N, C-alpha and C. Protein backbone atom coordinates (compact mmCIF):
# COMPACT_ATOMS: atom_id res chain seq x y z
N MET A 1 0.63 -1.21 0.15
CA MET A 1 -0.39 0.11 0.20
C MET A 1 1.26 1.50 -0.09
N ALA A 2 2.05 1.36 0.79
CA ALA A 2 2.64 2.31 0.87
C ALA A 2 3.15 2.83 -0.90
N ASN A 3 4.10 1.51 -1.43
CA ASN A 3 4.11 2.13 -2.63
C ASN A 3 3.25 2.53 -3.91
N GLU A 4 2.03 3.15 -3.58
CA GLU A 4 0.77 3.49 -4.03
C GLU A 4 0.39 5.33 -3.52
N CYS A 5 1.03 5.09 -2.22
CA CYS A 5 0.41 6.23 -1.73
C CYS A 5 1.16 7.62 -1.92
N VAL A 6 0.19 8.66 -2.31
CA VAL A 6 0.44 9.84 -2.86
C VAL A 6 1.83 10.76 -1.88
N PHE A 7 1.69 10.35 -0.64
CA PHE A 7 2.72 11.06 0.03
C PHE A 7 4.19 10.58 0.17
N CYS A 8 3.75 9.12 0.13
CA CYS A 8 5.13 8.39 -0.54
C CYS A 8 5.52 8.62 -0.99
N LYS A 9 4.84 8.53 -1.79
CA LYS A 9 5.45 9.50 -3.42
C LYS A 9 6.51 10.77 -3.39
N ILE A 10 5.73 11.81 -2.79
CA ILE A 10 6.02 13.08 -2.87
C ILE A 10 7.21 12.45 -1.61
N VAL A 11 7.39 12.13 -0.49
CA VAL A 11 8.52 11.91 0.71
C VAL A 11 9.51 11.23 -0.60
N LYS A 12 9.95 10.67 -1.32
CA LYS A 12 10.42 9.82 -2.08
C LYS A 12 10.87 11.16 -3.78
N LYS A 13 10.58 11.95 -3.52
CA LYS A 13 10.60 12.85 -4.52
C LYS A 13 10.15 12.27 -5.80
N GLU A 14 9.38 11.59 -6.08
CA GLU A 14 8.55 10.78 -7.38
C GLU A 14 7.37 11.82 -7.75
N ILE A 15 6.56 12.52 -6.71
CA ILE A 15 6.26 13.62 -7.44
C ILE A 15 6.53 14.93 -6.60
N LYS A 16 6.43 16.03 -7.85
CA LYS A 16 6.73 17.20 -7.06
C LYS A 16 5.67 18.14 -6.00
N SER A 17 6.11 18.57 -5.46
CA SER A 17 5.23 19.06 -4.49
C SER A 17 6.12 20.76 -4.03
N ASP A 18 5.05 21.46 -3.33
CA ASP A 18 5.85 22.94 -2.79
C ASP A 18 6.11 22.45 -1.41
N ILE A 19 7.42 21.96 -1.47
CA ILE A 19 7.94 21.83 0.01
C ILE A 19 8.83 23.30 0.32
N VAL A 20 7.74 23.32 2.02
CA VAL A 20 8.29 24.49 2.24
C VAL A 20 9.42 23.48 3.91
N TYR A 21 9.26 22.42 4.44
CA TYR A 21 10.02 22.15 5.83
C TYR A 21 10.61 20.88 5.50
N GLU A 22 11.46 20.20 5.17
CA GLU A 22 11.63 19.02 5.29
C GLU A 22 12.87 18.50 6.41
N ASP A 23 12.98 17.52 6.85
CA ASP A 23 13.84 17.19 7.94
C ASP A 23 13.59 15.73 7.97
N GLU A 24 14.99 14.31 8.53
CA GLU A 24 15.01 13.48 8.66
C GLU A 24 13.43 12.12 8.96
N LYS A 25 12.51 13.09 9.62
CA LYS A 25 10.94 12.31 10.01
C LYS A 25 9.71 13.21 9.33
N ILE A 26 9.85 14.39 8.93
CA ILE A 26 8.49 15.18 8.59
C ILE A 26 9.18 15.91 7.40
N ILE A 27 8.30 15.89 6.56
CA ILE A 27 8.04 17.07 5.06
C ILE A 27 7.13 17.62 5.68
N ALA A 28 6.87 19.25 4.92
CA ALA A 28 5.60 19.48 4.61
C ALA A 28 5.35 20.58 3.67
N PHE A 29 4.21 20.56 2.89
CA PHE A 29 4.22 21.02 1.90
C PHE A 29 2.97 21.97 1.35
N TYR A 30 2.56 22.62 0.81
CA TYR A 30 1.39 23.64 0.60
C TYR A 30 0.67 22.32 -0.06
N ASP A 31 -0.92 22.22 0.39
CA ASP A 31 -1.60 21.60 0.22
C ASP A 31 -1.90 22.10 -1.45
N ILE A 32 -2.88 21.08 -2.79
CA ILE A 32 -2.73 21.66 -3.35
C ILE A 32 -4.20 22.26 -4.12
N ASP A 33 -5.24 22.13 -2.31
CA ASP A 33 -6.73 22.53 -2.60
C ASP A 33 -7.13 23.25 -1.70
N PRO A 34 -6.17 24.06 -1.67
CA PRO A 34 -5.95 24.87 0.00
C PRO A 34 -7.16 25.73 0.42
N LYS A 35 -7.68 25.38 2.21
CA LYS A 35 -8.53 26.00 2.19
C LYS A 35 -8.74 27.30 3.24
N ALA A 36 -7.24 27.76 3.37
CA ALA A 36 -7.35 28.96 3.96
C ALA A 36 -6.29 29.68 2.79
N PRO A 37 -5.81 30.90 3.25
CA PRO A 37 -4.54 31.00 2.60
C PRO A 37 -3.05 30.84 2.90
N ILE A 38 -3.13 30.20 3.88
CA ILE A 38 -1.87 29.33 4.32
C ILE A 38 -2.50 27.87 4.31
N HIS A 39 -2.45 26.77 3.90
CA HIS A 39 -2.61 25.65 3.96
C HIS A 39 -1.43 24.52 3.85
N ILE A 40 -0.84 24.19 4.32
CA ILE A 40 0.16 23.27 4.67
C ILE A 40 0.00 22.13 4.96
N LEU A 41 0.42 21.17 4.53
CA LEU A 41 0.17 19.79 4.87
C LEU A 41 1.58 19.24 6.18
N ILE A 42 1.57 18.64 7.19
CA ILE A 42 2.53 18.44 7.62
C ILE A 42 2.91 16.84 7.97
N VAL A 43 3.50 15.88 6.96
CA VAL A 43 3.40 14.58 6.97
C VAL A 43 4.94 14.20 7.81
N PRO A 44 4.34 12.87 8.11
CA PRO A 44 5.57 11.93 8.88
C PRO A 44 5.79 11.31 7.65
N LYS A 45 6.98 11.21 7.21
CA LYS A 45 7.93 10.39 6.14
C LYS A 45 7.99 9.09 6.37
N GLU A 46 7.34 8.44 7.85
CA GLU A 46 6.98 6.84 7.81
C GLU A 46 5.72 6.89 7.38
N HIS A 47 5.30 5.82 6.83
CA HIS A 47 4.53 5.44 5.91
C HIS A 47 3.34 5.07 7.26
N ILE A 48 2.51 5.35 7.93
CA ILE A 48 1.72 5.25 9.00
C ILE A 48 0.24 5.85 8.47
N PRO A 49 -0.61 4.33 8.41
CA PRO A 49 -2.38 5.05 7.29
C PRO A 49 -3.26 5.75 7.89
N THR A 50 -3.37 5.47 9.63
CA THR A 50 -4.39 6.45 10.27
C THR A 50 -3.56 6.79 11.57
N LEU A 51 -4.16 7.55 12.49
CA LEU A 51 -3.98 8.13 14.03
C LEU A 51 -4.01 6.72 14.95
N ASN A 52 -4.80 5.79 14.79
CA ASN A 52 -4.68 4.80 15.44
C ASN A 52 -3.89 3.73 15.14
N ASP A 53 -2.73 3.92 13.85
CA ASP A 53 -1.94 3.26 13.62
C ASP A 53 -0.34 4.20 14.49
N VAL A 54 -0.44 4.48 14.97
CA VAL A 54 0.93 5.45 15.24
C VAL A 54 0.90 4.28 16.16
N LYS A 55 2.56 3.48 16.44
CA LYS A 55 3.53 3.12 17.96
C LYS A 55 4.18 4.30 18.55
N ASP A 56 4.85 4.95 17.78
CA ASP A 56 5.59 5.74 18.44
C ASP A 56 5.17 7.51 18.39
N PHE A 57 4.61 7.44 19.91
CA PHE A 57 3.82 8.89 19.63
C PHE A 57 4.58 10.31 19.63
N SER A 58 6.11 9.77 19.64
CA SER A 58 6.99 11.36 19.67
C SER A 58 6.77 11.79 18.53
N ILE A 59 6.47 11.57 17.73
CA ILE A 59 6.19 11.97 16.16
C ILE A 59 5.27 13.70 16.46
N PHE A 60 4.38 13.46 17.45
CA PHE A 60 3.25 14.20 17.70
C PHE A 60 4.49 15.31 17.70
N SER A 61 5.02 14.73 19.05
CA SER A 61 5.56 16.81 19.00
C SER A 61 6.47 16.82 18.03
N ASP A 62 7.13 15.66 17.22
CA ASP A 62 8.19 16.48 15.69
C ASP A 62 6.73 17.07 15.13
N VAL A 63 5.57 16.77 14.80
CA VAL A 63 4.69 17.20 13.51
C VAL A 63 4.25 18.86 14.37
N ILE A 64 4.12 19.47 16.18
CA ILE A 64 3.90 20.06 17.02
C ILE A 64 5.01 21.67 16.24
N ARG A 65 5.69 20.40 16.80
CA ARG A 65 7.30 21.59 16.66
C ARG A 65 7.40 22.28 15.12
N VAL A 66 6.93 21.61 14.17
CA VAL A 66 7.28 22.40 12.64
C VAL A 66 6.20 23.14 12.71
N ALA A 67 5.41 22.57 13.00
CA ALA A 67 3.41 23.75 12.61
C ALA A 67 3.93 24.76 13.60
N THR A 68 4.18 24.59 14.30
CA THR A 68 4.54 26.24 14.89
C THR A 68 6.47 26.73 14.36
N GLU A 69 7.05 26.24 14.48
CA GLU A 69 7.84 27.14 13.24
C GLU A 69 7.43 27.95 12.32
N LEU A 70 6.45 26.85 11.20
CA LEU A 70 5.67 27.32 10.24
C LEU A 70 4.96 28.40 10.53
N ALA A 71 4.53 28.72 11.54
CA ALA A 71 3.46 29.17 11.80
C ALA A 71 4.01 30.72 11.78
N LYS A 72 5.08 30.41 12.50
CA LYS A 72 6.13 31.94 13.07
C LYS A 72 6.42 32.38 11.50
N GLU A 73 7.16 31.47 10.72
CA GLU A 73 7.80 32.10 9.36
C GLU A 73 7.11 32.29 8.71
N LYS A 74 5.35 31.91 8.64
CA LYS A 74 4.47 32.41 7.57
C LYS A 74 3.26 33.59 8.55
N ASN A 75 4.07 34.10 9.48
CA ASN A 75 3.88 35.18 10.45
C ASN A 75 1.83 35.05 10.27
N ILE A 76 1.44 33.72 11.16
CA ILE A 76 0.62 33.34 10.94
C ILE A 76 0.40 32.91 12.86
N SER A 77 1.43 33.32 13.56
CA SER A 77 1.15 32.59 14.91
C SER A 77 1.09 33.44 16.26
N LYS A 78 0.79 34.71 15.68
CA LYS A 78 -0.08 35.74 16.79
C LYS A 78 -1.55 35.87 16.40
N SER A 79 -2.08 36.10 14.90
CA SER A 79 -3.33 35.84 14.22
C SER A 79 -3.89 34.41 15.02
N GLY A 80 -3.34 33.26 15.11
CA GLY A 80 -4.05 32.20 14.97
C GLY A 80 -3.88 31.43 14.06
N TYR A 81 -3.58 29.50 14.11
CA TYR A 81 -4.20 28.85 13.08
C TYR A 81 -4.74 27.66 14.00
N LYS A 82 -4.78 26.73 13.02
CA LYS A 82 -5.99 25.44 13.14
C LYS A 82 -4.87 24.53 12.42
N ILE A 83 -4.83 23.12 13.62
CA ILE A 83 -3.91 22.20 12.97
C ILE A 83 -4.77 20.82 13.55
N LEU A 84 -5.51 20.44 12.12
CA LEU A 84 -6.25 19.15 12.27
C LEU A 84 -5.84 18.16 11.21
N ALA A 85 -6.27 16.98 11.95
CA ALA A 85 -5.89 15.46 11.57
C ALA A 85 -7.34 14.74 11.22
N ASN A 86 -7.51 14.46 10.16
CA ASN A 86 -8.69 13.45 10.19
C ASN A 86 -7.95 12.04 10.20
N CYS A 87 -8.96 11.26 11.14
CA CYS A 87 -8.99 9.51 10.74
C CYS A 87 -9.82 8.97 11.16
N GLY A 88 -9.64 8.26 9.32
CA GLY A 88 -10.80 7.54 8.66
C GLY A 88 -11.86 7.88 7.81
N LYS A 89 -12.15 7.23 6.77
CA LYS A 89 -13.26 8.04 5.79
C LYS A 89 -14.24 8.59 6.20
N ASP A 90 -14.86 8.25 7.51
CA ASP A 90 -15.90 8.91 7.72
C ASP A 90 -15.79 10.51 8.55
N ALA A 91 -14.71 10.57 8.97
CA ALA A 91 -14.27 11.88 9.52
C ALA A 91 -13.23 12.97 8.05
N GLY A 92 -13.22 12.19 6.92
CA GLY A 92 -12.75 12.97 5.41
C GLY A 92 -11.53 12.91 5.26
N GLN A 93 -10.69 11.39 6.10
CA GLN A 93 -9.07 11.20 5.74
C GLN A 93 -9.37 10.51 4.20
N ALA A 94 -8.79 11.09 3.59
CA ALA A 94 -9.07 11.19 1.88
C ALA A 94 -7.75 9.60 1.28
N VAL A 95 -6.10 10.25 2.18
CA VAL A 95 -5.40 9.91 1.86
C VAL A 95 -4.55 9.16 3.18
N PHE A 96 -4.56 7.63 3.08
CA PHE A 96 -4.38 7.08 4.08
C PHE A 96 -3.08 6.86 5.18
N HIS A 97 -2.15 7.79 5.05
CA HIS A 97 -1.25 8.53 5.55
C HIS A 97 -0.81 9.73 6.36
N ILE A 98 -0.75 9.39 7.95
CA ILE A 98 -1.54 10.10 8.33
C ILE A 98 -1.06 11.72 7.74
N HIS A 99 -1.58 12.61 7.74
CA HIS A 99 -1.04 14.50 7.65
C HIS A 99 -1.96 15.26 8.57
N PHE A 100 -1.26 16.18 8.94
CA PHE A 100 -1.74 17.42 9.13
C PHE A 100 -1.69 18.66 8.80
N HIS A 101 -2.99 19.56 8.76
CA HIS A 101 -3.16 20.26 8.25
C HIS A 101 -3.16 21.39 9.36
N LEU A 102 -2.22 22.50 9.11
CA LEU A 102 -1.81 23.53 8.96
C LEU A 102 -2.42 24.77 8.50
N LEU A 103 -3.50 25.41 9.10
CA LEU A 103 -4.62 26.77 8.26
C LEU A 103 -4.49 27.85 8.76
N GLY A 104 -4.29 28.76 8.32
CA GLY A 104 -4.35 30.17 9.29
C GLY A 104 -4.62 31.54 7.86
N GLY A 105 -4.09 32.61 8.37
CA GLY A 105 -3.97 33.69 7.52
C GLY A 105 -5.89 34.23 7.20
N MET A 106 -7.26 33.53 8.06
CA MET A 106 -8.15 34.56 7.93
C MET A 106 -8.96 33.59 9.27
N LYS A 107 -9.70 34.33 9.53
CA LYS A 107 -10.74 34.14 10.81
C LYS A 107 -11.27 32.71 9.89
N MET A 108 -11.48 31.68 10.83
CA MET A 108 -11.74 30.78 10.89
C MET A 108 -12.92 30.48 12.32
N GLU A 109 -13.75 29.68 11.89
CA GLU A 109 -14.90 29.30 13.13
C GLU A 109 -15.01 27.83 12.76
N TYR A 110 -15.08 27.27 11.67
CA TYR A 110 -15.32 25.84 11.37
C TYR A 110 -15.12 25.69 9.76
N LEU A 111 -14.18 25.01 9.96
CA LEU A 111 -13.77 24.52 8.44
C LEU A 111 -13.16 23.23 7.74
N PRO A 112 -13.96 22.46 7.71
CA PRO A 112 -14.23 21.28 6.69
C PRO A 112 -12.86 20.70 6.01
N VAL A 113 -12.03 19.87 6.71
CA VAL A 113 -11.03 19.56 5.11
C VAL A 113 -10.84 18.31 5.36
């Protein structure tokens, strides 16, 4: 399944994306269908299908670190931002490789992603 995963292909640079951050564990890039002026996907490089499949919970601290760094860099840390993750089909998860949406640059009451 990981061989056909679009995010795994982005990690392996088989698919071009607008990467804004990368380290040994995390890659972050602009969403191709943005729901806010700033809409960045933060993706662990390890293929983990859903939040229910996480074994090493330190990945969450890595994601939050990257999200807060990007929020500062994109000038949304003071005005506010959201970090969203969907788990499972009924929650709207379209790509079964865990990922986190960093959204900002506008006032948001509720934003389905």
